[in-house]
Protein backbone atom coordinates (compact mmCIF):
# COMPACT_ATOMS: atom_id res chain seq x y z
CA UNK A 1 71.84 82.60 55.07
CA UNK A 2 72.50 83.20 58.77
CA UNK A 3 70.14 85.66 60.54
CA UNK A 4 73.13 87.72 61.67
CA UNK A 5 74.32 88.05 58.06
CA UNK A 6 70.84 89.15 57.01
CA UNK A 7 70.73 91.80 59.73
CA UNK A 8 74.21 93.09 58.85
CA UNK A 9 73.36 93.26 55.14
CA UNK A 10 70.11 95.06 55.93
CA UNK A 11 71.93 97.52 58.21
CA UNK A 12 74.62 98.12 55.58
CA UNK A 13 72.00 98.80 52.92
CA UNK A 14 70.21 101.17 55.27
CA UNK A 15 73.42 103.11 55.89
CA UNK A 16 74.17 103.34 52.15
CA UNK A 17 70.63 104.52 51.40
CA UNK A 18 70.71 106.99 54.28
CA UNK A 19 73.90 108.60 53.00
CA UNK A 20 72.49 108.78 49.46
CA UNK A 21 69.33 110.45 50.76
CA UNK A 22 71.18 112.77 53.12
CA UNK A 23 73.96 114.17 50.92
CA UNK A 24 72.62 113.24 47.48
CA UNK A 25 75.32 110.77 46.42
CA UNK A 26 78.48 108.92 47.31
CA UNK A 27 76.91 106.27 49.51
CA UNK A 28 77.59 103.48 47.05
CA UNK A 29 81.35 103.90 47.53
CA UNK A 30 80.83 102.40 51.00
CA UNK A 31 79.15 99.24 49.68
CA UNK A 32 82.30 97.18 49.08
CA UNK A 33 84.01 97.88 52.44
CA UNK A 34 80.73 97.31 54.26
CA UNK A 35 80.26 93.95 52.52
CA UNK A 36 83.82 92.88 53.28
CA UNK A 37 84.35 94.20 56.82
CA UNK A 38 80.80 94.26 58.25
CA UNK A 39 78.78 91.61 56.42
CA UNK A 40 81.79 89.30 56.13
CA UNK A 41 81.94 88.57 52.40
CA UNK A 42 85.21 86.68 52.06
CA UNK A 43 85.92 87.42 48.39
CA UNK A 44 86.59 91.01 47.33
CA UNK A 45 85.44 90.04 43.84
CA UNK A 46 82.10 88.83 45.21
CA UNK A 47 81.77 92.05 47.22
CA UNK A 48 82.40 94.14 44.11
CA UNK A 49 79.98 92.11 41.98
CA UNK A 50 77.26 92.26 44.62
CA UNK A 51 77.81 95.98 45.15
CA UNK A 52 77.57 96.62 41.41
CA UNK A 53 74.05 95.17 41.32
CA UNK A 54 72.99 97.39 44.23
CA UNK A 55 74.59 100.43 42.53
CA UNK A 56 72.64 99.82 39.32
CA UNK A 57 69.33 99.33 41.14
CA UNK A 58 69.80 102.41 43.34
CA UNK A 59 70.70 104.54 40.32
CA UNK A 60 67.68 103.29 38.37
CA UNK A 61 65.39 104.18 41.26
CA UNK A 62 66.87 107.69 41.49
CA UNK A 63 66.71 108.07 37.71
CA UNK A 64 62.94 107.58 37.72
CA UNK A 65 62.50 110.60 40.01
CA UNK A 66 64.80 112.80 37.90
CA UNK A 67 63.13 111.72 34.65
CA UNK A 68 59.73 112.76 36.01
CA UNK A 69 61.24 116.08 37.09
CA UNK A 70 62.70 116.69 33.61
CA UNK A 71 66.31 116.95 34.81
CA UNK A 72 67.75 114.33 32.44
CA UNK A 73 69.50 115.30 29.19
CA UNK A 74 69.01 112.02 27.35
CA UNK A 75 71.20 112.73 24.29
CA UNK A 76 74.23 113.55 26.41
CA UNK A 77 73.56 110.57 28.67
CA UNK A 78 73.32 108.09 25.79
CA UNK A 79 76.65 109.22 24.30
CA UNK A 80 78.42 109.07 27.66
CA UNK A 81 76.83 105.73 28.57
CA UNK A 82 77.57 104.07 25.21
CA UNK A 83 81.30 104.66 25.60
CA UNK A 84 81.09 103.91 29.33
CA UNK A 85 79.50 100.49 28.81
CA UNK A 86 82.45 99.44 26.64
CA UNK A 87 84.86 100.67 29.31
CA UNK A 88 82.90 98.95 32.09
CA UNK A 89 82.97 95.62 30.26
CA UNK A 90 86.74 95.87 29.81
CA UNK A 91 87.28 97.12 33.36
CA UNK A 92 85.25 94.30 34.89
CA UNK A 93 87.27 91.66 33.06
CA UNK A 94 90.49 93.30 34.24
CA UNK A 95 89.23 93.53 37.82
CA UNK A 96 88.31 89.84 37.94
CA UNK A 97 91.84 88.96 36.81
CA UNK A 98 93.49 90.85 39.69
CA UNK A 99 94.31 89.25 43.04
CA UNK A 100 91.56 90.00 45.58
CA UNK A 101 93.80 91.62 48.20
CA UNK A 102 95.49 93.85 45.63
CA UNK A 103 92.12 94.81 44.18
CA UNK A 104 90.81 95.72 47.63
CA UNK A 105 93.91 97.83 48.35
CA UNK A 106 93.42 99.67 45.05
CA UNK A 107 89.77 100.22 45.95
CA UNK A 108 90.85 101.80 49.24
CA UNK A 109 93.16 104.11 47.35
CA UNK A 110 90.29 105.09 45.08
CA UNK A 111 88.17 105.92 48.13
CA UNK A 112 90.85 108.33 49.35
CA UNK A 113 90.84 110.05 45.94
CA UNK A 114 87.02 110.18 45.88
CA UNK A 115 86.95 111.70 49.36
CA UNK A 116 89.45 114.35 48.32
CA UNK A 117 87.33 115.22 45.26
CA UNK A 118 84.25 115.49 47.49
CA UNK A 119 86.07 117.97 49.74
CA UNK A 120 86.46 120.27 46.74
CA UNK A 121 82.67 120.55 46.45
CA UNK A 122 80.54 121.15 43.38
CA UNK A 123 80.04 124.34 41.41
CA UNK A 124 76.59 125.64 40.57
CA UNK A 125 75.37 127.66 37.60
CA UNK A 126 75.15 126.42 34.03
CA UNK A 127 72.80 126.64 31.05
CA UNK A 128 69.59 124.59 31.50
CA UNK A 129 68.83 124.88 27.76
CA UNK A 130 72.07 123.24 26.61
CA UNK A 131 71.42 120.64 23.90
CA UNK A 132 73.26 118.35 21.52
CA UNK A 133 73.04 119.35 17.83
CA UNK A 134 75.24 119.51 14.74
CA UNK A 135 76.97 122.69 15.86
CA UNK A 136 78.05 121.23 19.20
CA UNK A 137 78.45 117.55 18.32
CA UNK A 138 81.70 117.86 16.34
CA UNK A 139 83.84 119.02 19.24
CA UNK A 140 81.86 117.62 22.17
CA UNK A 141 81.18 114.04 21.08
CA UNK A 142 84.87 112.96 21.12
CA UNK A 143 85.32 114.58 24.53
CA UNK A 144 82.23 112.90 25.96
CA UNK A 145 83.14 109.52 24.48
CA UNK A 146 86.67 109.67 25.89
CA UNK A 147 85.39 110.64 29.33
CA UNK A 148 82.75 107.90 29.19
CA UNK A 149 85.31 105.25 28.30
CA UNK A 150 87.65 106.32 31.12
CA UNK A 151 84.89 106.43 33.74
CA UNK A 152 83.54 103.10 32.49
CA UNK A 153 86.92 101.45 32.98
CA UNK A 154 87.03 102.61 36.60
CA UNK A 155 83.39 101.67 37.22
CA UNK A 156 83.86 98.18 35.83
CA UNK A 157 87.16 97.58 37.57
CA UNK A 158 85.95 98.64 41.02
CA UNK A 159 82.20 98.01 40.80
CA UNK A 160 81.33 101.64 41.51
CA UNK A 161 78.81 103.99 39.91
CA UNK A 162 81.34 106.65 38.96
CA UNK A 163 78.93 109.53 39.57
CA UNK A 164 81.67 111.53 41.32
CA UNK A 165 83.48 111.67 37.95
CA UNK A 166 80.48 111.73 35.61
CA UNK A 167 78.86 114.82 37.15
CA UNK A 168 81.89 117.14 36.88
CA UNK A 169 82.68 115.65 33.46
CA UNK A 170 79.23 116.54 32.14
CA UNK A 171 79.41 120.03 33.62
CA UNK A 172 82.86 120.66 32.13
CA UNK A 173 81.88 119.37 28.68
CA UNK A 174 78.42 120.87 28.32
CA UNK A 175 78.08 123.64 30.95
CA UNK A 176 74.75 122.15 32.08
CA UNK A 177 73.53 122.99 35.62
CA UNK A 178 74.52 120.62 38.40
CA UNK A 179 70.92 119.47 38.94
CA UNK A 180 70.70 118.29 35.34
CA UNK A 181 74.20 116.81 35.49
CA UNK A 182 73.19 114.72 38.52
CA UNK A 183 70.01 113.52 36.82
CA UNK A 184 71.81 112.78 33.55
CA UNK A 185 74.62 110.97 35.36
CA UNK A 186 72.14 108.45 36.76
CA UNK A 187 71.48 107.13 33.24
CA UNK A 188 75.20 106.45 32.93
CA UNK A 189 75.54 105.00 36.43
CA UNK A 190 72.64 102.61 35.77
CA UNK A 191 74.21 101.45 32.50
CA UNK A 192 77.70 101.04 33.96
CA UNK A 193 76.41 99.27 37.07
CA UNK A 194 74.34 96.86 35.00
CA UNK A 195 77.29 96.09 32.72
CA UNK A 196 79.64 95.47 35.62
CA UNK A 197 77.04 93.42 37.50
CA UNK A 198 76.37 91.29 34.43
CA UNK A 199 80.06 90.54 33.95
CA UNK A 200 80.61 89.60 37.59
CA UNK A 201 77.37 87.60 37.71
CA UNK A 202 78.45 85.49 34.74
CA UNK A 203 81.59 84.62 36.71
CA UNK A 204 79.57 83.69 39.81
CA UNK A 205 80.63 86.74 41.81
CA UNK A 206 77.17 88.03 42.83
CA UNK A 207 75.40 86.98 46.04
CA UNK A 208 71.77 87.58 45.09
CA UNK A 209 70.50 87.00 48.62
CA UNK A 210 72.70 89.82 49.89
CA UNK A 211 71.57 92.04 47.02
CA UNK A 212 67.95 91.67 48.13
CA UNK A 213 68.72 92.71 51.71
CA UNK A 214 71.01 95.56 50.62
CA UNK A 215 68.30 96.97 48.38
CA UNK A 216 65.60 96.55 51.04
CA UNK A 217 67.76 98.40 53.55
CA UNK A 218 68.67 101.02 50.95
CA UNK A 219 65.01 101.86 50.30
CA UNK A 220 64.33 102.41 53.99
CA UNK A 221 67.58 104.29 54.49
CA UNK A 222 67.00 106.65 51.57
CA UNK A 223 63.62 107.66 52.99
CA UNK A 224 65.19 108.42 56.36
CA UNK A 225 68.09 110.21 54.68
CA UNK A 226 65.83 112.49 52.66
CA UNK A 227 63.86 113.40 55.77
CA UNK A 228 67.05 114.18 57.66
CA UNK A 229 68.40 116.08 54.65
CA UNK A 230 65.40 118.40 54.62
CA UNK A 231 65.89 119.22 58.29
CA UNK A 232 69.64 119.72 57.87
CA UNK A 233 69.51 121.49 54.48
CA UNK A 234 71.24 124.57 55.91
CA UNK A 235 74.23 122.39 56.86
CA UNK A 236 74.49 120.46 53.58
CA UNK A 237 78.05 121.62 52.86
CA UNK A 238 79.16 120.58 56.33
CA UNK A 239 77.49 117.19 55.92
CA UNK A 240 79.18 116.61 52.56
CA UNK A 241 82.59 117.51 53.96
CA UNK A 242 82.03 115.29 56.96
CA UNK A 243 81.09 112.38 54.71
CA UNK A 244 84.15 113.05 52.54
CA UNK A 245 86.35 112.77 55.63
CA UNK A 246 84.69 109.45 56.49
CA UNK A 247 85.33 108.14 52.97
CA UNK A 248 89.01 109.11 53.20
CA UNK A 249 89.36 107.46 56.62
CA UNK A 250 87.65 104.25 55.49
CA UNK A 251 89.76 104.19 52.34
CA UNK A 252 92.97 104.51 54.37
CA UNK A 253 91.78 101.69 56.63
CA UNK A 254 91.05 99.46 53.63
CA UNK A 255 94.51 100.10 52.18
CA UNK A 256 96.23 99.41 55.50
CA UNK A 257 94.38 96.16 56.19
CA UNK A 258 94.73 94.92 52.61
CA UNK A 259 98.47 95.47 52.52
C-alpha cells in the first residue's frame, strides 16, 4: 500500500472518529465518500464493504462504554437486531448486484435524507424503567421486528450503521430516554455492520489494510472529538446542525458526480 494512501486512510479515519466524538454519531455516513473521493478506492462496492467493517468496530467500541454505564436495554436490542440481521443480509446481496455508479448515487441521496433528519434534532424525555414483558411484547414485538427488518435492509444495502433510524425508532416504540436509545442502538449497529461486512468480505469487497488504518485514525479522532465536545458542549445543537449541513452538501456532491 502506498504511503500516501495510508496517510489518507488514517486522516479519513481520524475525521470520522472526530465527528463521532464531537457530536455523538453520524460520522460513519462519511466513510464511503471519504474512501471513494479522498482515499481513492475505485470500486464503490469495496468502499461500502470496507466502511461496513469500520462501522461495526466503531459501534462495538462505543457499546462497551454504554454497557458499563448501564444504558443498554438488551431485550429490546436483541429483538431489533435479530430482524435487522436478516434485513442486512438481504440488503447486502441486493447492493452487490447493483451497478457501482448507481449505488453511489443512491448513497448520496441517502446522505441528503440523513442530513435532513439530523436537522430535525432529537427529542429528550422518556421512561428509563421501560422493559419488555408479556404485557408489552404482544403489540411492541411486531413493530420492533418490522422496524429492524427495514433498517437492516438499508444498512446492508449501503453499508451504514443505521443509528439515525434506530434511535428514533426505539424511542417511538418504547418511549425510552434518548441516552438509553443511543446505547441500545449500538448493539443493533454492531450486528448490522458485522452482517454487512461479512457478506461483502465473502465477495472480496473488503480492503483489510484500509480497515486497519481507518480504525487507528478513528481511535485517535474520537479522543480528540470527545475533548472538543466537552469544551463546546454549550454549542452542541449548533454543531449537530452544522454537521447535518455538511452531510447534505456531501450527499449532493456524490449524487452529482455519480450521475
